[in-house]
Amino acid sequence: MQQQNMNFQGQQQGIMQTPPSVVSTKDSLYLTDMLSWNLLAMKKAHFFAQQCQDQELKMEIEKCGQMHQKHYEKILTHLNSPQNQTYSQMPGMQ
């Protein structure tokens, strides 16, 4: 039990309070994947909601699609934030 508490505390110390100024290639690929997953889920939810006959179920599927759309837009907002624009305009940071 004590070992688990120590591991948990060690993980808590690794949380970043501010994002790094440079995004690694691995992080960039993961962000691309997150955008793709959310976009695909949004499109699938829209498609299946259109096929659904049950209005209550259709509304729930549409809410699910809207949730994925919000996640997609939130990720884009973070990527297009003024702080990120500043870094991309610095010499040698392209």
Protein backbone atom coordinates (compact mmCIF):
# COMPACT_ATOMS: atom_id res chain seq x y z
CA MET A 1 0.00 0.00 0.00
CA GLN A 2 2.81 2.39 0.88
CA GLN A 3 4.49 1.58 -2.44
CA GLN A 4 1.32 2.65 -4.29
CA ASN A 5 1.19 5.94 -2.35
CA MET A 6 4.81 6.67 -3.24
CA ASN A 7 4.15 5.95 -6.92
CA PHE A 8 1.09 8.19 -6.88
CA GLN A 9 3.02 11.02 -5.26
CA GLY A 10 5.82 10.62 -7.81
CA GLN A 11 3.31 10.89 -10.64
CA GLN A 12 1.78 14.03 -9.13
CA GLN A 13 5.12 15.81 -9.16
CA GLY A 14 5.42 15.30 -12.93
CA ILE A 15 2.38 17.45 -13.82
CA MET A 16 3.30 20.51 -15.86
CA GLN A 17 1.77 23.79 -14.78
CA THR A 18 2.50 25.48 -18.13
CA PRO A 19 2.91 23.92 -21.57
CA PRO A 20 6.42 23.55 -22.97
CA SER A 21 7.62 26.17 -25.46
CA VAL A 22 8.49 23.48 -28.04
CA VAL A 23 6.33 20.55 -29.10
CA SER A 24 8.23 17.36 -29.83
CA THR A 25 7.60 15.33 -32.97
CA LYS A 26 5.95 12.62 -30.86
CA ASP A 27 3.65 15.17 -29.20
CA SER A 28 2.81 16.70 -32.57
CA LEU A 29 1.84 13.29 -33.96
CA TYR A 30 -0.30 12.60 -30.89
CA LEU A 31 -2.09 15.95 -31.27
CA THR A 32 -2.74 15.10 -34.93
CA ASP A 33 -4.17 11.74 -33.85
CA MET A 34 -6.42 13.38 -31.24
CA LEU A 35 -7.79 15.77 -33.86
CA SER A 36 -8.39 12.88 -36.26
CA TRP A 37 -10.12 10.73 -33.63
CA ASN A 38 -12.46 13.51 -32.59
CA LEU A 39 -13.24 14.49 -36.17
CA LEU A 40 -14.02 10.88 -37.11
CA ALA A 41 -16.19 10.37 -34.00
CA MET A 42 -18.05 13.60 -34.79
CA LYS A 43 -18.70 12.50 -38.39
CA LYS A 44 -19.81 9.00 -37.35
CA ALA A 45 -22.17 10.36 -34.71
CA HIS A 46 -23.73 12.71 -37.26
CA PHE A 47 -24.13 9.88 -39.78
CA PHE A 48 -25.68 7.46 -37.27
CA ALA A 49 -27.98 10.12 -35.82
CA GLN A 50 -29.36 10.66 -39.34
CA GLN A 51 -30.04 6.92 -39.66
CA CYS A 52 -31.75 6.59 -36.28
CA GLN A 53 -35.55 6.33 -36.05
CA ASP A 54 -35.82 6.67 -32.25
CA GLN A 55 -35.86 10.42 -31.50
CA GLU A 56 -34.53 10.04 -27.95
CA LEU A 57 -31.61 7.93 -29.13
CA LYS A 58 -31.03 10.29 -32.05
CA MET A 59 -30.70 13.24 -29.64
CA GLU A 60 -28.20 11.33 -27.47
CA ILE A 61 -26.08 10.43 -30.50
CA GLU A 62 -26.15 14.07 -31.63
CA LYS A 63 -25.04 15.17 -28.14
CA CYS A 64 -22.16 12.72 -28.39
CA GLY A 65 -21.15 14.20 -31.75
CA GLN A 66 -21.35 17.72 -30.33
CA MET A 67 -19.09 16.68 -27.46
CA HIS A 68 -16.46 15.44 -29.93
CA GLN A 69 -16.83 18.64 -31.94
CA LYS A 70 -16.19 20.70 -28.78
CA HIS A 71 -13.10 18.62 -28.01
CA TYR A 72 -11.84 19.12 -31.58
CA GLU A 73 -12.38 22.87 -31.41
CA LYS A 74 -10.78 23.08 -27.93
CA ILE A 75 -7.63 21.36 -29.20
CA LEU A 76 -7.50 23.74 -32.17
CA THR A 77 -7.99 26.72 -29.85
CA HIS A 78 -5.02 25.64 -27.76
CA LEU A 79 -2.88 25.07 -30.85
CA ASN A 80 -3.82 28.45 -32.33
CA SER A 81 -3.45 30.42 -29.09
CA PRO A 82 -1.46 33.70 -29.22
CA GLN A 83 1.28 32.10 -27.11
CA ASN A 84 1.81 29.42 -29.77
CA GLN A 85 1.78 32.04 -32.53
CA THR A 86 4.57 33.92 -30.77
CA TYR A 87 6.78 30.83 -30.68
CA SER A 88 6.14 29.95 -34.30
CA GLN A 89 7.21 33.44 -35.42
CA MET A 90 10.57 33.31 -33.60
CA PRO A 91 13.61 32.81 -35.84
CA GLY A 92 14.57 29.18 -36.09
CA MET A 93 11.30 27.90 -34.56
CA GLN A 94 9.54 26.80 -37.74
